[in-house]
N, C-alpha and C. Protein backbone atom coordinates (compact mmCIF):
# COMPACT_ATOMS: atom_id res chain seq x y z
N SER A 1 101.34 109.47 90.79
CA SER A 1 101.95 110.22 89.70
C SER A 1 103.01 109.41 88.96
N MET A 2 103.70 108.53 89.66
CA MET A 2 104.75 107.75 88.99
C MET A 2 104.19 106.71 88.01
N PRO A 3 103.11 105.99 88.35
CA PRO A 3 102.63 104.99 87.39
C PRO A 3 102.31 105.54 86.00
N ILE A 4 101.69 106.72 85.92
CA ILE A 4 101.37 107.27 84.59
C ILE A 4 102.64 107.66 83.86
N ARG A 5 103.62 108.17 84.57
CA ARG A 5 104.90 108.51 83.94
C ARG A 5 105.61 107.24 83.47
N ASP A 6 105.59 106.20 84.30
CA ASP A 6 106.21 104.93 83.91
C ASP A 6 105.52 104.33 82.69
N LEU A 7 104.20 104.36 82.68
CA LEU A 7 103.45 103.83 81.55
C LEU A 7 103.79 104.58 80.27
N ASP A 8 103.85 105.89 80.36
CA ASP A 8 104.19 106.70 79.20
C ASP A 8 105.59 106.35 78.69
N PHE A 9 106.53 106.24 79.60
CA PHE A 9 107.91 105.95 79.22
C PHE A 9 108.05 104.55 78.62
N PHE A 10 107.54 103.55 79.32
CA PHE A 10 107.74 102.17 78.89
C PHE A 10 106.86 101.76 77.72
N SER A 11 105.67 102.35 77.58
CA SER A 11 104.82 101.96 76.45
C SER A 11 105.44 102.41 75.14
N LYS A 12 106.07 103.57 75.13
CA LYS A 12 106.74 104.02 73.92
C LYS A 12 107.89 103.07 73.56
N ALA A 13 108.68 102.70 74.56
CA ALA A 13 109.80 101.80 74.32
C ALA A 13 109.30 100.43 73.85
N TYR A 14 108.24 99.93 74.48
CA TYR A 14 107.66 98.64 74.09
C TYR A 14 107.20 98.68 72.64
N SER A 15 106.51 99.74 72.28
CA SER A 15 106.00 99.87 70.92
C SER A 15 107.13 99.90 69.90
N GLU A 16 108.22 100.59 70.22
CA GLU A 16 109.34 100.68 69.30
C GLU A 16 110.07 99.34 69.18
N VAL A 17 110.32 98.68 70.29
CA VAL A 17 111.05 97.40 70.28
C VAL A 17 110.25 96.31 69.58
N TRP A 18 108.98 96.19 69.92
CA TRP A 18 108.15 95.10 69.39
C TRP A 18 107.37 95.51 68.15
N GLN A 19 107.51 96.74 67.75
CA GLN A 19 106.79 97.27 66.60
C GLN A 19 105.29 96.97 66.70
N ALA A 20 104.80 97.22 67.88
CA ALA A 20 103.38 96.99 68.17
C ALA A 20 102.70 98.33 68.40
N PRO A 21 101.44 98.44 68.04
CA PRO A 21 100.74 99.70 68.27
C PRO A 21 100.51 99.93 69.77
N ILE A 22 100.57 101.18 70.15
CA ILE A 22 100.26 101.52 71.54
C ILE A 22 98.75 101.50 71.69
N GLN A 23 98.26 100.82 72.73
CA GLN A 23 96.83 100.74 72.97
C GLN A 23 96.32 102.10 73.46
N PRO A 24 95.06 102.40 73.21
CA PRO A 24 94.52 103.68 73.68
C PRO A 24 94.69 103.82 75.18
N ALA A 25 95.09 104.99 75.61
CA ALA A 25 95.27 105.26 77.04
C ALA A 25 94.61 106.59 77.36
N MET A 26 94.06 106.67 78.55
CA MET A 26 93.45 107.91 79.01
C MET A 26 94.04 108.21 80.38
N ALA A 27 94.08 109.49 80.73
CA ALA A 27 94.60 109.90 82.03
C ALA A 27 93.70 110.96 82.62
N ASN A 28 93.68 111.01 83.91
CA ASN A 28 92.89 112.00 84.63
C ASN A 28 93.84 112.89 85.40
N ARG A 29 93.65 114.18 85.30
CA ARG A 29 94.53 115.11 86.00
C ARG A 29 93.66 116.07 86.79
N GLY A 30 93.55 115.82 88.09
CA GLY A 30 92.77 116.69 88.95
C GLY A 30 93.61 117.84 89.47
N ALA A 31 93.09 118.54 90.45
CA ALA A 31 93.80 119.70 91.01
C ALA A 31 95.18 119.32 91.53
N SER A 32 95.28 118.19 92.16
CA SER A 32 96.57 117.71 92.65
C SER A 32 97.08 116.57 91.78
N GLY A 33 96.35 116.23 90.77
CA GLY A 33 96.76 115.15 89.89
C GLY A 33 96.32 113.78 90.35
N ILE A 34 95.74 113.71 91.55
CA ILE A 34 95.42 112.39 92.08
C ILE A 34 93.97 112.23 92.51
N ASP A 35 93.17 113.25 92.43
CA ASP A 35 91.80 113.13 92.92
C ASP A 35 90.85 112.62 91.84
N GLY A 36 90.03 111.64 92.21
CA GLY A 36 89.00 111.13 91.31
C GLY A 36 89.48 110.18 90.23
N VAL A 37 90.65 109.63 90.37
CA VAL A 37 91.21 108.78 89.31
C VAL A 37 90.43 107.47 89.16
N ILE A 38 90.12 106.81 90.26
CA ILE A 38 89.37 105.55 90.18
C ILE A 38 87.96 105.81 89.65
N SER A 39 87.33 106.86 90.12
CA SER A 39 85.99 107.21 89.64
C SER A 39 85.99 107.46 88.15
N THR A 40 86.99 108.20 87.67
CA THR A 40 87.09 108.48 86.23
C THR A 40 87.26 107.19 85.44
N ALA A 41 88.16 106.32 85.90
CA ALA A 41 88.41 105.06 85.19
C ALA A 41 87.17 104.17 85.18
N ALA A 42 86.45 104.12 86.30
CA ALA A 42 85.23 103.32 86.35
C ALA A 42 84.20 103.85 85.35
N GLY A 43 84.09 105.17 85.25
CA GLY A 43 83.16 105.77 84.28
C GLY A 43 83.56 105.49 82.85
N ILE A 44 84.85 105.61 82.55
CA ILE A 44 85.33 105.31 81.20
C ILE A 44 85.07 103.84 80.86
N CYS A 45 85.36 102.95 81.79
CA CYS A 45 85.17 101.52 81.56
C CYS A 45 83.69 101.20 81.35
N ALA A 46 82.83 101.80 82.16
CA ALA A 46 81.39 101.55 82.01
C ALA A 46 80.92 102.04 80.63
N GLY A 47 81.46 103.16 80.19
CA GLY A 47 81.08 103.69 78.88
C GLY A 47 81.63 102.86 77.73
N CYS A 48 82.82 102.32 77.89
CA CYS A 48 83.45 101.51 76.82
C CYS A 48 82.81 100.13 76.70
N GLU A 49 82.30 99.63 77.83
CA GLU A 49 81.68 98.30 77.89
C GLU A 49 82.63 97.18 77.49
N VAL A 50 83.92 97.38 77.70
CA VAL A 50 84.93 96.34 77.49
C VAL A 50 85.88 96.39 78.69
N PRO A 51 86.57 95.28 78.97
CA PRO A 51 87.53 95.30 80.08
C PRO A 51 88.58 96.40 79.89
N CYS A 52 88.84 97.13 80.96
CA CYS A 52 89.82 98.21 80.95
C CYS A 52 90.77 98.00 82.13
N THR A 53 91.91 98.67 82.07
CA THR A 53 92.90 98.59 83.13
C THR A 53 93.27 99.98 83.60
N LEU A 54 93.32 100.15 84.90
CA LEU A 54 93.80 101.38 85.52
C LEU A 54 95.08 101.05 86.27
N VAL A 55 96.15 101.77 85.99
CA VAL A 55 97.39 101.67 86.77
C VAL A 55 97.43 102.91 87.64
N ILE A 56 97.50 102.70 88.96
CA ILE A 56 97.37 103.82 89.90
C ILE A 56 98.27 103.59 91.10
N GLY A 57 98.72 104.67 91.70
CA GLY A 57 99.52 104.58 92.91
C GLY A 57 98.67 104.50 94.16
N ASP A 58 99.33 104.20 95.25
CA ASP A 58 98.63 104.03 96.52
C ASP A 58 98.05 105.34 97.05
N VAL A 59 98.77 106.43 96.97
CA VAL A 59 98.26 107.69 97.50
C VAL A 59 97.04 108.16 96.69
N ALA A 60 97.10 108.04 95.37
CA ALA A 60 95.94 108.41 94.55
C ALA A 60 94.74 107.51 94.88
N SER A 61 94.99 106.24 95.17
CA SER A 61 93.91 105.32 95.55
C SER A 61 93.27 105.76 96.87
N ILE A 62 94.10 106.15 97.82
CA ILE A 62 93.58 106.61 99.11
C ILE A 62 92.73 107.87 98.93
N GLN A 63 93.14 108.77 98.03
CA GLN A 63 92.40 110.00 97.79
C GLN A 63 91.02 109.74 97.19
N ASP A 64 90.82 108.59 96.56
CA ASP A 64 89.54 108.27 95.91
C ASP A 64 88.96 106.98 96.49
N ILE A 65 89.18 106.77 97.76
CA ILE A 65 88.82 105.49 98.40
C ILE A 65 87.32 105.18 98.28
N ASN A 66 86.47 106.21 98.28
CA ASN A 66 85.03 105.97 98.15
C ASN A 66 84.66 105.36 96.81
N ALA A 67 85.52 105.50 95.81
CA ALA A 67 85.23 104.96 94.48
C ALA A 67 85.33 103.44 94.43
N PHE A 68 85.92 102.83 95.45
CA PHE A 68 85.97 101.37 95.48
C PHE A 68 84.57 100.77 95.45
N GLN A 69 83.58 101.53 95.93
CA GLN A 69 82.20 101.04 95.89
C GLN A 69 81.71 100.81 94.46
N LEU A 70 82.30 101.51 93.49
CA LEU A 70 81.92 101.35 92.08
C LEU A 70 82.44 100.04 91.49
N LEU A 71 83.41 99.43 92.15
CA LEU A 71 84.06 98.23 91.61
C LEU A 71 83.49 96.93 92.14
N GLY A 72 82.62 96.99 93.13
CA GLY A 72 82.04 95.79 93.72
C GLY A 72 80.62 95.55 93.25
N GLY A 73 80.19 94.33 93.32
CA GLY A 73 78.81 94.01 92.98
C GLY A 73 78.61 93.64 91.52
N SER A 74 77.40 93.23 91.22
CA SER A 74 77.09 92.72 89.89
C SER A 74 77.05 93.80 88.81
N GLN A 75 76.90 95.04 89.19
CA GLN A 75 76.84 96.13 88.21
C GLN A 75 78.20 96.79 87.97
N ALA A 76 79.24 96.28 88.58
CA ALA A 76 80.57 96.89 88.47
C ALA A 76 81.10 96.76 87.04
N PRO A 77 81.76 97.79 86.55
CA PRO A 77 82.37 97.69 85.22
C PRO A 77 83.57 96.74 85.28
N PRO A 78 83.94 96.16 84.14
CA PRO A 78 85.07 95.21 84.13
C PRO A 78 86.41 95.95 84.19
N LEU A 79 86.64 96.65 85.29
CA LEU A 79 87.85 97.45 85.46
C LEU A 79 88.85 96.72 86.35
N THR A 80 90.03 96.48 85.81
CA THR A 80 91.13 95.93 86.60
C THR A 80 91.96 97.10 87.09
N VAL A 81 92.07 97.22 88.40
CA VAL A 81 92.89 98.27 89.00
C VAL A 81 94.21 97.64 89.42
N VAL A 82 95.29 98.07 88.78
CA VAL A 82 96.63 97.64 89.18
C VAL A 82 97.14 98.73 90.11
N LEU A 83 97.18 98.41 91.39
CA LEU A 83 97.49 99.37 92.43
C LEU A 83 98.95 99.20 92.84
N ILE A 84 99.77 100.20 92.54
CA ILE A 84 101.19 100.17 92.89
C ILE A 84 101.33 100.75 94.30
N ASN A 85 101.59 99.89 95.26
CA ASN A 85 101.68 100.31 96.66
C ASN A 85 103.16 100.39 97.07
N ASN A 86 103.72 101.59 96.97
CA ASN A 86 105.11 101.78 97.35
C ASN A 86 105.25 102.48 98.70
N GLY A 87 104.18 102.49 99.47
CA GLY A 87 104.23 103.08 100.79
C GLY A 87 104.02 104.58 100.82
N GLY A 88 103.71 105.17 99.66
CA GLY A 88 103.31 106.57 99.62
C GLY A 88 104.31 107.55 99.06
N GLY A 89 103.84 108.37 98.14
CA GLY A 89 104.56 109.54 97.67
C GLY A 89 105.94 109.33 97.09
N GLY A 90 106.19 108.25 96.40
CA GLY A 90 107.51 107.96 95.85
C GLY A 90 108.03 109.00 94.87
N ILE A 91 107.14 109.69 94.19
CA ILE A 91 107.57 110.67 93.18
C ILE A 91 108.40 111.80 93.79
N PHE A 92 108.15 112.13 95.04
CA PHE A 92 108.86 113.26 95.65
C PHE A 92 110.34 112.96 95.89
N SER A 93 110.73 111.71 95.86
CA SER A 93 112.15 111.38 96.03
C SER A 93 112.97 111.85 94.83
N PHE A 94 112.31 112.19 93.73
CA PHE A 94 113.00 112.67 92.53
C PHE A 94 113.16 114.20 92.52
N LEU A 95 112.56 114.86 93.49
CA LEU A 95 112.59 116.33 93.52
C LEU A 95 113.65 116.84 94.50
N PRO A 96 114.10 118.07 94.34
CA PRO A 96 115.11 118.64 95.23
C PRO A 96 114.72 118.60 96.71
N ILE A 97 113.42 118.63 97.01
CA ILE A 97 112.98 118.62 98.40
C ILE A 97 113.46 117.37 99.13
N SER A 98 113.75 116.30 98.40
CA SER A 98 114.17 115.05 99.03
C SER A 98 115.49 115.18 99.80
N LYS A 99 116.26 116.23 99.51
CA LYS A 99 117.53 116.46 100.23
C LYS A 99 117.28 117.01 101.63
N HIS A 100 116.06 117.48 101.88
CA HIS A 100 115.71 118.07 103.18
C HIS A 100 114.93 117.04 104.00
N LYS A 101 115.67 116.15 104.62
CA LYS A 101 115.06 115.02 105.34
C LYS A 101 114.12 115.48 106.46
N ASP A 102 114.37 116.64 107.04
CA ASP A 102 113.54 117.11 108.15
C ASP A 102 112.12 117.45 107.73
N VAL A 103 111.91 117.77 106.46
CA VAL A 103 110.55 118.07 105.98
C VAL A 103 110.04 117.03 104.98
N MET A 104 110.91 116.21 104.49
CA MET A 104 110.51 115.22 103.48
C MET A 104 109.43 114.28 104.03
N SER A 105 109.67 113.75 105.23
CA SER A 105 108.70 112.83 105.82
C SER A 105 108.17 113.47 107.09
N PRO A 106 106.91 113.54 107.25
CA PRO A 106 105.82 112.94 106.49
C PRO A 106 105.15 113.90 105.50
N PHE A 107 105.66 115.11 105.35
CA PHE A 107 104.95 116.11 104.57
C PHE A 107 104.93 115.86 103.06
N PHE A 108 105.95 115.21 102.54
CA PHE A 108 105.99 115.00 101.09
C PHE A 108 105.84 113.53 100.69
N ASN A 109 106.50 112.63 101.38
CA ASN A 109 106.41 111.24 100.91
C ASN A 109 105.17 110.51 101.43
N GLU A 110 104.41 111.12 102.27
CA GLU A 110 103.10 110.63 102.70
C GLU A 110 103.06 109.15 103.06
N PRO A 111 103.86 108.72 104.02
CA PRO A 111 103.80 107.30 104.41
C PRO A 111 102.41 106.96 104.95
N HIS A 112 101.99 105.74 104.70
CA HIS A 112 100.66 105.31 105.15
C HIS A 112 100.72 103.83 105.51
N GLU A 113 99.67 103.40 106.16
CA GLU A 113 99.53 101.99 106.50
C GLU A 113 98.19 101.47 105.98
N ALA A 114 97.77 101.96 104.84
CA ALA A 114 96.48 101.54 104.28
C ALA A 114 96.49 100.04 103.99
N ASP A 115 95.42 99.40 104.37
CA ASP A 115 95.25 97.95 104.13
C ASP A 115 94.25 97.81 102.99
N PHE A 116 94.77 97.70 101.77
CA PHE A 116 93.89 97.66 100.61
C PHE A 116 93.05 96.39 100.54
N GLN A 117 93.52 95.30 101.13
CA GLN A 117 92.71 94.08 101.21
C GLN A 117 91.43 94.37 102.00
N SER A 118 91.57 95.02 103.14
CA SER A 118 90.41 95.35 103.97
C SER A 118 89.48 96.35 103.27
N ILE A 119 90.08 97.32 102.59
CA ILE A 119 89.26 98.30 101.85
C ILE A 119 88.45 97.58 100.79
N CYS A 120 89.09 96.70 100.04
CA CYS A 120 88.37 95.95 99.00
C CYS A 120 87.29 95.07 99.62
N ASN A 121 87.61 94.42 100.73
CA ASN A 121 86.61 93.58 101.40
C ASN A 121 85.39 94.39 101.81
N ALA A 122 85.61 95.62 102.28
CA ALA A 122 84.49 96.48 102.71
C ALA A 122 83.53 96.78 101.57
N PHE A 123 84.05 96.81 100.34
CA PHE A 123 83.22 97.13 99.18
C PHE A 123 82.95 95.92 98.28
N ASN A 124 83.27 94.72 98.78
CA ASN A 124 83.06 93.47 98.02
C ASN A 124 83.76 93.49 96.66
N VAL A 125 85.00 93.97 96.67
CA VAL A 125 85.82 94.02 95.46
C VAL A 125 86.88 92.93 95.54
N PRO A 126 86.97 92.07 94.53
CA PRO A 126 88.03 91.07 94.54
C PRO A 126 89.41 91.74 94.61
N HIS A 127 90.30 91.18 95.42
CA HIS A 127 91.64 91.74 95.64
C HIS A 127 92.66 90.62 95.57
N VAL A 128 93.76 90.90 94.89
CA VAL A 128 94.88 89.96 94.82
C VAL A 128 96.14 90.71 95.16
N LEU A 129 96.91 90.21 96.14
CA LEU A 129 98.21 90.78 96.45
C LEU A 129 99.24 89.89 95.79
N CYS A 130 100.01 90.45 94.88
CA CYS A 130 100.96 89.66 94.11
C CYS A 130 102.30 89.56 94.83
N ASN A 131 102.83 88.35 94.90
CA ASN A 131 104.12 88.11 95.53
C ASN A 131 105.20 87.80 94.51
N SER A 132 104.83 87.74 93.24
CA SER A 132 105.81 87.45 92.19
C SER A 132 105.27 87.93 90.85
N LEU A 133 106.13 87.96 89.87
CA LEU A 133 105.70 88.33 88.53
C LEU A 133 104.70 87.30 88.01
N GLN A 134 104.90 86.04 88.32
CA GLN A 134 103.97 84.99 87.89
C GLN A 134 102.60 85.19 88.51
N ASP A 135 102.57 85.59 89.79
CA ASP A 135 101.29 85.89 90.45
C ASP A 135 100.57 87.03 89.72
N PHE A 136 101.34 88.08 89.38
CA PHE A 136 100.75 89.21 88.70
C PHE A 136 100.19 88.81 87.34
N GLU A 137 100.98 88.08 86.56
CA GLU A 137 100.53 87.67 85.23
C GLU A 137 99.25 86.85 85.32
N ALA A 138 99.21 85.90 86.25
CA ALA A 138 98.02 85.06 86.41
C ALA A 138 96.81 85.89 86.84
N ALA A 139 97.02 86.78 87.80
CA ALA A 139 95.92 87.62 88.27
C ALA A 139 95.40 88.54 87.17
N TYR A 140 96.31 89.07 86.37
CA TYR A 140 95.89 89.99 85.31
C TYR A 140 95.11 89.25 84.22
N VAL A 141 95.60 88.10 83.81
CA VAL A 141 94.90 87.32 82.79
C VAL A 141 93.51 86.94 83.29
N THR A 142 93.43 86.51 84.54
CA THR A 142 92.13 86.16 85.12
C THR A 142 91.20 87.36 85.16
N SER A 143 91.74 88.52 85.59
CA SER A 143 90.89 89.71 85.71
C SER A 143 90.33 90.15 84.36
N GLN A 144 91.10 89.98 83.29
CA GLN A 144 90.63 90.40 81.98
C GLN A 144 89.52 89.51 81.44
N SER A 145 89.40 88.31 81.98
CA SER A 145 88.33 87.42 81.54
C SER A 145 87.07 87.56 82.39
N GLN A 146 87.17 88.30 83.49
CA GLN A 146 86.03 88.50 84.39
C GLN A 146 85.16 89.64 83.87
N LYS A 147 83.97 89.71 84.34
CA LYS A 147 83.06 90.79 83.95
C LYS A 147 82.79 91.73 85.12
N THR A 148 83.69 91.75 86.09
CA THR A 148 83.51 92.60 87.27
C THR A 148 84.81 93.34 87.56
N GLY A 149 84.75 94.23 88.55
CA GLY A 149 85.94 94.96 88.96
C GLY A 149 86.88 94.07 89.77
N CYS A 150 88.13 94.47 89.83
CA CYS A 150 89.15 93.71 90.54
C CYS A 150 90.32 94.65 90.87
N VAL A 151 90.95 94.44 92.02
CA VAL A 151 92.15 95.19 92.38
C VAL A 151 93.31 94.21 92.49
N ILE A 152 94.36 94.49 91.74
CA ILE A 152 95.60 93.72 91.82
C ILE A 152 96.62 94.64 92.46
N GLU A 153 97.02 94.29 93.68
CA GLU A 153 97.97 95.14 94.40
C GLU A 153 99.39 94.62 94.19
N VAL A 154 100.26 95.55 93.82
CA VAL A 154 101.67 95.23 93.58
C VAL A 154 102.49 96.09 94.54
N GLN A 155 103.42 95.45 95.23
CA GLN A 155 104.31 96.18 96.12
C GLN A 155 105.71 96.10 95.52
N PRO A 156 106.21 97.21 94.95
CA PRO A 156 107.51 97.19 94.25
C PRO A 156 108.67 96.69 95.08
N ALA A 157 108.55 96.71 96.40
CA ALA A 157 109.64 96.21 97.22
C ALA A 157 109.80 94.70 97.07
N LEU A 158 108.78 94.05 96.52
CA LEU A 158 108.86 92.62 96.30
C LEU A 158 109.83 92.32 95.17
N ASN A 159 110.39 91.15 95.17
CA ASN A 159 111.32 90.76 94.13
C ASN A 159 110.55 90.25 92.92
N PHE A 160 110.46 91.04 91.88
CA PHE A 160 109.71 90.68 90.68
C PHE A 160 110.66 90.28 89.56
N GLU A 161 111.59 89.42 89.85
CA GLU A 161 112.52 88.95 88.82
C GLU A 161 112.15 87.55 88.38
């Protein structure tokens, strides 16, 4: 839930500062806001027939883990998945429930130990774990020139300065 809010907030600011048009963006809102997001993006990308980018959180990725099969192989759409792995449920830290530590974890912040490298390997999806802003920039530029799916995992705890 946080990546779409961040994209909305920062894309407007970027457009105003640089006087650049905002690129078309689409969002998927399921019953909980996180179900089927990768599947939806893969379908949109396949229909557009041009490289697309999905920015998604770790919990939403886990909820649609079977969709990783759509990103591997020669028929995969050119979808770059930028996976923000903050260890689960970061959005709930902004809500009043965060003051109640006894129920906050594990019921709201949903900590996990998902290994997205292994998940990608299981579905033959290229995966890059970025350790710096330069790593991310290089991985993203490379992914946009590819004709297949790719997952770029970003862990915000890393120093991206």
